[in-house]
Amino acid sequence: MVSDEPVVGIRHLGKIGVDWARLVFADADALSAWVHDDPIDGLADVVFWGRHETDIAAEFGATRTGTPGEDHYGWLNLPVAEAYAKAVALNDRRSTASDGKFAFDFRPHSHHWRVMADVRTSENEAATIDVGGASIMFAMTSVGDGSFPVYVELDAAGALAAIQVRIHGTEE
């Protein structure tokens, strides 16, 4: 919602392309302060999951993280160099052994991974984060990548009242 005014019309605006199943609604100027890959606080998390996660956890001395929305095995709040070393060791293990099927993430404490933690715990798979003086909203599509129609809802004065993205398993 952009306005509380009653909606009197809807107009098709176009389509939005989605990659990694994530939609982002952001102020373009605020994005100049966005930190996507680098840790803001010098820390990072490493988590892993999969068919052989219990065996891998025992081998690497990892425990469940207890993270709401995804209680994977791994390590939280490590200095970035230590977290990176654990991620490299997991990657080496995964590429050299055929008896360990698992996936992992190296998650530096960046804006991206911070908002994704909130998205994963959200009932609607959406969350906001304040960056550069503006709120930026992330949302998952629930159907993966694609191209989805966007509509604007207009009030009686023809002003924007809301934006609508219609998520479908297949393109309209």
C-alpha atoms as a PDB file:
ATOM      1  CA  MET A   1       0.000   0.000   0.000  1.00  0.00           C
ATOM      2  CA  VAL A   2       1.165   3.451  -0.849  1.00  0.00           C
ATOM      3  CA  SER A   3      -2.002   5.296   0.228  1.00  0.00           C
ATOM      4  CA  ASP A   4      -5.098   4.693   2.334  1.00  0.00           C
ATOM      5  CA  GLU A   5      -7.317   6.221  -0.354  1.00  0.00           C
ATOM      6  CA  PRO A   6      -9.945   3.892  -1.868  1.00  0.00           C
ATOM      7  CA  VAL A   7      -8.902   2.206  -5.100  1.00  0.00           C
ATOM      8  CA  VAL A   8     -11.059   3.107  -8.103  1.00  0.00           C
ATOM      9  CA  GLY A   9      -8.972   1.689 -10.932  1.00  0.00           C
ATOM     10  CA  ILE A  10      -6.241  -0.776 -11.795  1.00  0.00           C
ATOM     11  CA  ARG A  11      -3.757  -0.431 -14.649  1.00  0.00           C
ATOM     12  CA  HIS A  12      -1.287  -2.997 -15.962  1.00  0.00           C
ATOM     13  CA  LEU A  13       2.192  -1.496 -15.636  1.00  0.00           C
ATOM     14  CA  GLY A  14       4.339  -4.251 -17.134  1.00  0.00           C
ATOM     15  CA  LYS A  15       6.287  -7.224 -15.835  1.00  0.00           C
ATOM     16  CA  ILE A  16       8.966  -7.687 -13.215  1.00  0.00           C
ATOM     17  CA  GLY A  17      11.736 -10.214 -13.721  1.00  0.00           C
ATOM     18  CA  VAL A  18      12.625 -12.244 -10.643  1.00  0.00           C
ATOM     19  CA  ASP A  19      15.892 -14.068  -9.991  1.00  0.00           C
ATOM     20  CA  TRP A  20      16.685 -16.240  -6.960  1.00  0.00           C
ATOM     21  CA  ALA A  21      12.912 -16.136  -6.182  1.00  0.00           C
ATOM     22  CA  ARG A  22      13.321 -12.738  -4.471  1.00  0.00           C
ATOM     23  CA  LEU A  23      11.461  -9.509  -5.095  1.00  0.00           C
ATOM     24  CA  VAL A  24      12.912  -6.267  -3.782  1.00  0.00           C
ATOM     25  CA  PHE A  25      11.049  -2.988  -3.439  1.00  0.00           C
ATOM     26  CA  ALA A  26      13.503  -0.199  -2.724  1.00  0.00           C
ATOM     27  CA  ASP A  27      14.190   3.477  -2.999  1.00  0.00           C
ATOM     28  CA  ALA A  28      16.835   3.783  -5.706  1.00  0.00           C
ATOM     29  CA  ASP A  29      18.847   6.335  -3.706  1.00  0.00           C
ATOM     30  CA  ALA A  30      18.832   4.098  -0.608  1.00  0.00           C
ATOM     31  CA  LEU A  31      20.354   1.265  -2.628  1.00  0.00           C
ATOM     32  CA  SER A  32      23.634   3.203  -2.774  1.00  0.00           C
ATOM     33  CA  ALA A  33      24.055   2.311   0.941  1.00  0.00           C
ATOM     34  CA  TRP A  34      23.185  -1.387   0.397  1.00  0.00           C
ATOM     35  CA  VAL A  35      25.906  -3.868   1.399  1.00  0.00           C
ATOM     36  CA  HIS A  36      25.186  -7.165  -0.310  1.00  0.00           C
ATOM     37  CA  ASP A  37      28.205  -9.445   0.180  1.00  0.00           C
ATOM     38  CA  ASP A  38      30.471  -7.936   2.816  1.00  0.00           C
ATOM     39  CA  PRO A  39      29.948  -8.289   6.557  1.00  0.00           C
ATOM     40  CA  ILE A  40      28.885  -5.009   8.148  1.00  0.00           C
ATOM     41  CA  ASP A  41      30.039  -6.125  11.596  1.00  0.00           C
ATOM     42  CA  GLY A  42      33.000  -8.339  10.636  1.00  0.00           C
ATOM     43  CA  LEU A  43      31.015 -11.516  11.375  1.00  0.00           C
ATOM     44  CA  ALA A  44      29.490 -14.308   9.317  1.00  0.00           C
ATOM     45  CA  ASP A  45      27.462 -17.492   9.695  1.00  0.00           C
ATOM     46  CA  VAL A  46      27.959 -20.845   7.987  1.00  0.00           C
ATOM     47  CA  VAL A  47      25.030 -23.238   7.822  1.00  0.00           C
ATOM     48  CA  PHE A  48      24.515 -26.568   6.086  1.00  0.00           C
ATOM     49  CA  TRP A  49      21.716 -29.022   5.452  1.00  0.00           C
ATOM     50  CA  GLY A  50      20.951 -32.105   3.398  1.00  0.00           C
ATOM     51  CA  ARG A  51      20.776 -35.879   3.295  1.00  0.00           C
ATOM     52  CA  HIS A  52      23.998 -36.442   5.275  1.00  0.00           C
ATOM     53  CA  GLU A  53      23.850 -33.334   7.472  1.00  0.00           C
ATOM     54  CA  THR A  54      24.024 -35.309  10.739  1.00  0.00           C
ATOM     55  CA  ASP A  55      27.179 -37.149   9.653  1.00  0.00           C
ATOM     56  CA  ILE A  56      28.785 -33.934   8.422  1.00  0.00           C
ATOM     57  CA  ALA A  57      27.876 -32.173  11.682  1.00  0.00           C
ATOM     58  CA  ALA A  58      29.565 -34.925  13.687  1.00  0.00           C
ATOM     59  CA  GLU A  59      32.644 -34.807  11.476  1.00  0.00           C
ATOM     60  CA  PHE A  60      32.987 -31.015  11.762  1.00  0.00           C
ATOM     61  CA  GLY A  61      31.779 -30.596  15.346  1.00  0.00           C
ATOM     62  CA  ALA A  62      28.810 -28.465  14.329  1.00  0.00           C
ATOM     63  CA  THR A  63      25.555 -28.146  16.239  1.00  0.00           C
ATOM     64  CA  ARG A  64      22.062 -27.039  15.311  1.00  0.00           C
ATOM     65  CA  THR A  65      21.892 -23.271  15.124  1.00  0.00           C
ATOM     66  CA  GLY A  66      18.421 -22.944  16.659  1.00  0.00           C
ATOM     67  CA  THR A  67      17.695 -20.217  14.120  1.00  0.00           C
ATOM     68  CA  PRO A  68      13.952 -19.559  13.794  1.00  0.00           C
ATOM     69  CA  GLY A  69      12.666 -20.517  10.376  1.00  0.00           C
ATOM     70  CA  GLU A  70      15.537 -22.898   9.615  1.00  0.00           C
ATOM     71  CA  ASP A  71      17.252 -24.901  12.320  1.00  0.00           C
ATOM     72  CA  HIS A  72      20.249 -26.036  10.259  1.00  0.00           C
ATOM     73  CA  TYR A  73      23.612 -27.234  11.469  1.00  0.00           C
ATOM     74  CA  GLY A  74      26.469 -24.783  11.476  1.00  0.00           C
ATOM     75  CA  TRP A  75      28.128 -21.885  13.245  1.00  0.00           C
ATOM     76  CA  LEU A  76      26.818 -18.389  13.946  1.00  0.00           C
ATOM     77  CA  ASN A  77      28.497 -15.053  14.625  1.00  0.00           C
ATOM     78  CA  LEU A  78      32.034 -16.089  13.768  1.00  0.00           C
ATOM     79  CA  PRO A  79      34.779 -13.665  12.740  1.00  0.00           C
ATOM     80  CA  VAL A  80      34.586 -13.597   8.937  1.00  0.00           C
ATOM     81  CA  ALA A  81      37.983 -15.268   8.408  1.00  0.00           C
ATOM     82  CA  GLU A  82      37.042 -18.166  10.703  1.00  0.00           C
ATOM     83  CA  ALA A  83      33.632 -18.555   9.039  1.00  0.00           C
ATOM     84  CA  TYR A  84      35.248 -18.478   5.600  1.00  0.00           C
ATOM     85  CA  ALA A  85      37.715 -21.205   6.621  1.00  0.00           C
ATOM     86  CA  LYS A  86      34.807 -23.410   7.759  1.00  0.00           C
ATOM     87  CA  ALA A  87      32.982 -22.780   4.464  1.00  0.00           C
ATOM     88  CA  VAL A  88      36.113 -23.707   2.481  1.00  0.00           C
ATOM     89  CA  ALA A  89      36.495 -26.908   4.537  1.00  0.00           C
ATOM     90  CA  LEU A  90      32.846 -27.822   3.901  1.00  0.00           C
ATOM     91  CA  ASN A  91      33.270 -27.138   0.204  1.00  0.00           C
ATOM     92  CA  ASP A  92      36.413 -29.288   0.072  1.00  0.00           C
ATOM     93  CA  ARG A  93      34.596 -32.095   1.899  1.00  0.00           C
ATOM     94  CA  ARG A  94      31.626 -31.904  -0.447  1.00  0.00           C
ATOM     95  CA  SER A  95      33.785 -31.966  -3.589  1.00  0.00           C
ATOM     96  CA  THR A  96      36.115 -34.777  -2.595  1.00  0.00           C
ATOM     97  CA  ALA A  97      33.773 -37.309  -0.978  1.00  0.00           C
ATOM     98  CA  SER A  98      30.842 -39.080  -2.567  1.00  0.00           C
ATOM     99  CA  ASP A  99      29.335 -40.128   0.780  1.00  0.00           C
ATOM    100  CA  GLY A 100      28.272 -36.669   1.923  1.00  0.00           C
ATOM    101  CA  LYS A 101      25.289 -35.089   0.226  1.00  0.00           C
ATOM    102  CA  PHE A 102      24.708 -31.626   1.665  1.00  0.00           C
ATOM    103  CA  ALA A 103      24.477 -27.969   0.754  1.00  0.00           C
ATOM    104  CA  PHE A 104      25.810 -24.997   2.660  1.00  0.00           C
ATOM    105  CA  ASP A 105      25.725 -21.214   2.804  1.00  0.00           C
ATOM    106  CA  PHE A 106      28.417 -18.768   3.797  1.00  0.00           C
ATOM    107  CA  ARG A 107      26.397 -15.827   5.135  1.00  0.00           C
ATOM    108  CA  PRO A 108      28.311 -12.664   5.922  1.00  0.00           C
ATOM    109  CA  HIS A 109      26.346 -10.287   8.149  1.00  0.00           C
ATOM    110  CA  SER A 110      25.396  -8.065   5.208  1.00  0.00           C
ATOM    111  CA  HIS A 111      22.117  -6.298   4.546  1.00  0.00           C
ATOM    112  CA  HIS A 112      21.121  -9.152   2.240  1.00  0.00           C
ATOM    113  CA  TRP A 113      21.595 -11.953   4.765  1.00  0.00           C
ATOM    114  CA  ARG A 114      20.094  -9.840   7.600  1.00  0.00           C
ATOM    115  CA  VAL A 115      16.817  -9.286   5.750  1.00  0.00           C
ATOM    116  CA  MET A 116      16.786 -12.893   4.513  1.00  0.00           C
ATOM    117  CA  ALA A 117      16.891 -14.103   8.131  1.00  0.00           C
ATOM    118  CA  ASP A 118      13.699 -12.129   8.759  1.00  0.00           C
ATOM    119  CA  VAL A 119      12.141 -13.357   5.492  1.00  0.00           C
ATOM    120  CA  ARG A 120      12.735 -16.985   6.519  1.00  0.00           C
ATOM    121  CA  THR A 121      10.924 -16.451   9.844  1.00  0.00           C
ATOM    122  CA  SER A 122       8.032 -14.504   8.335  1.00  0.00           C
ATOM    123  CA  GLU A 123       4.701 -16.235   7.778  1.00  0.00           C
ATOM    124  CA  ASN A 124       4.391 -14.444   4.425  1.00  0.00           C
ATOM    125  CA  GLU A 125       8.067 -14.785   3.408  1.00  0.00           C
ATOM    126  CA  ALA A 126       8.523 -11.012   3.407  1.00  0.00           C
ATOM    127  CA  ALA A 127      10.431  -8.545   5.567  1.00  0.00           C
ATOM    128  CA  THR A 128      11.828  -5.035   5.557  1.00  0.00           C
ATOM    129  CA  ILE A 129      15.202  -3.596   6.462  1.00  0.00           C
ATOM    130  CA  ASP A 130      16.195   0.041   6.941  1.00  0.00           C
ATOM    131  CA  VAL A 131      19.082   1.028   4.698  1.00  0.00           C
ATOM    132  CA  GLY A 132      20.183   4.479   3.599  1.00  0.00           C
ATOM    133  CA  GLY A 133      17.284   6.185   5.375  1.00  0.00           C
ATOM    134  CA  ALA A 134      14.587   4.099   3.712  1.00  0.00           C
ATOM    135  CA  SER A 135      12.774   0.823   4.309  1.00  0.00           C
ATOM    136  CA  ILE A 136      13.566  -1.818   1.718  1.00  0.00           C
ATOM    137  CA  MET A 137      11.197  -4.755   1.374  1.00  0.00           C
ATOM    138  CA  PHE A 138      12.245  -8.263   0.358  1.00  0.00           C
ATOM    139  CA  ALA A 139       9.711 -10.957  -0.496  1.00  0.00           C
ATOM    140  CA  MET A 140       9.936 -14.490  -1.844  1.00  0.00           C
ATOM    141  CA  THR A 141       7.770 -15.490  -4.800  1.00  0.00           C
ATOM    142  CA  SER A 142       7.078 -19.008  -3.421  1.00  0.00           C
ATOM    143  CA  VAL A 143       7.219 -20.299  -7.003  1.00  0.00           C
ATOM    144  CA  GLY A 144      10.823 -19.481  -7.879  1.00  0.00           C
ATOM    145  CA  ASP A 145      12.124 -17.321 -10.692  1.00  0.00           C
ATOM    146  CA  GLY A 146      10.069 -15.877 -13.500  1.00  0.00           C
ATOM    147  CA  SER A 147       8.435 -12.863 -15.010  1.00  0.00           C
ATOM    148  CA  PHE A 148       5.330 -11.629 -13.192  1.00  0.00           C
ATOM    149  CA  PRO A 149       2.729  -8.996 -14.116  1.00  0.00           C
ATOM    150  CA  VAL A 150       2.703  -5.728 -12.167  1.00  0.00           C
ATOM    151  CA  TYR A 151      -0.373  -3.559 -11.703  1.00  0.00           C
ATOM    152  CA  VAL A 152      -0.849  -0.138 -10.142  1.00  0.00           C
ATOM    153  CA  GLU A 153      -3.979   0.594  -8.167  1.00  0.00           C
ATOM    154  CA  LEU A 154      -5.177   4.178  -8.537  1.00  0.00           C
ATOM    155  CA  ASP A 155      -7.326   6.384  -6.305  1.00  0.00           C
ATOM    156  CA  ALA A 156     -10.082   8.763  -7.474  1.00  0.00           C
ATOM    157  CA  ALA A 157      -7.506  11.477  -8.236  1.00  0.00           C
ATOM    158  CA  GLY A 158      -5.518   9.066 -10.405  1.00  0.00           C
ATOM    159  CA  ALA A 159      -2.717   8.907  -7.821  1.00  0.00           C
ATOM    160  CA  LEU A 160      -0.933   5.706  -6.887  1.00  0.00           C
ATOM    161  CA  ALA A 161      -2.670   3.847  -4.029  1.00  0.00           C
ATOM    162  CA  ALA A 162      -0.913   0.462  -4.203  1.00  0.00           C
ATOM    163  CA  ILE A 163       1.307  -1.755  -6.323  1.00  0.00           C
ATOM    164  CA  GLN A 164       0.283  -5.315  -7.075  1.00  0.00           C
ATOM    165  CA  VAL A 165       2.553  -8.108  -8.298  1.00  0.00           C
ATOM    166  CA  ARG A 166       0.671 -11.230  -9.294  1.00  0.00           C
ATOM    167  CA  ILE A 167       2.728 -14.300  -8.536  1.00  0.00           C
ATOM    168  CA  HIS A 168       1.746 -17.396 -10.492  1.00  0.00           C
ATOM    169  CA  GLY A 169       3.453 -20.731 -11.013  1.00  0.00           C
ATOM    170  CA  THR A 170       3.413 -20.016 -14.726  1.00  0.00           C
ATOM    171  CA  GLU A 171       3.508 -16.694 -16.498  1.00  0.00           C
ATOM    172  CA  GLU A 172       0.149 -15.115 -17.433  1.00  0.00           C
END
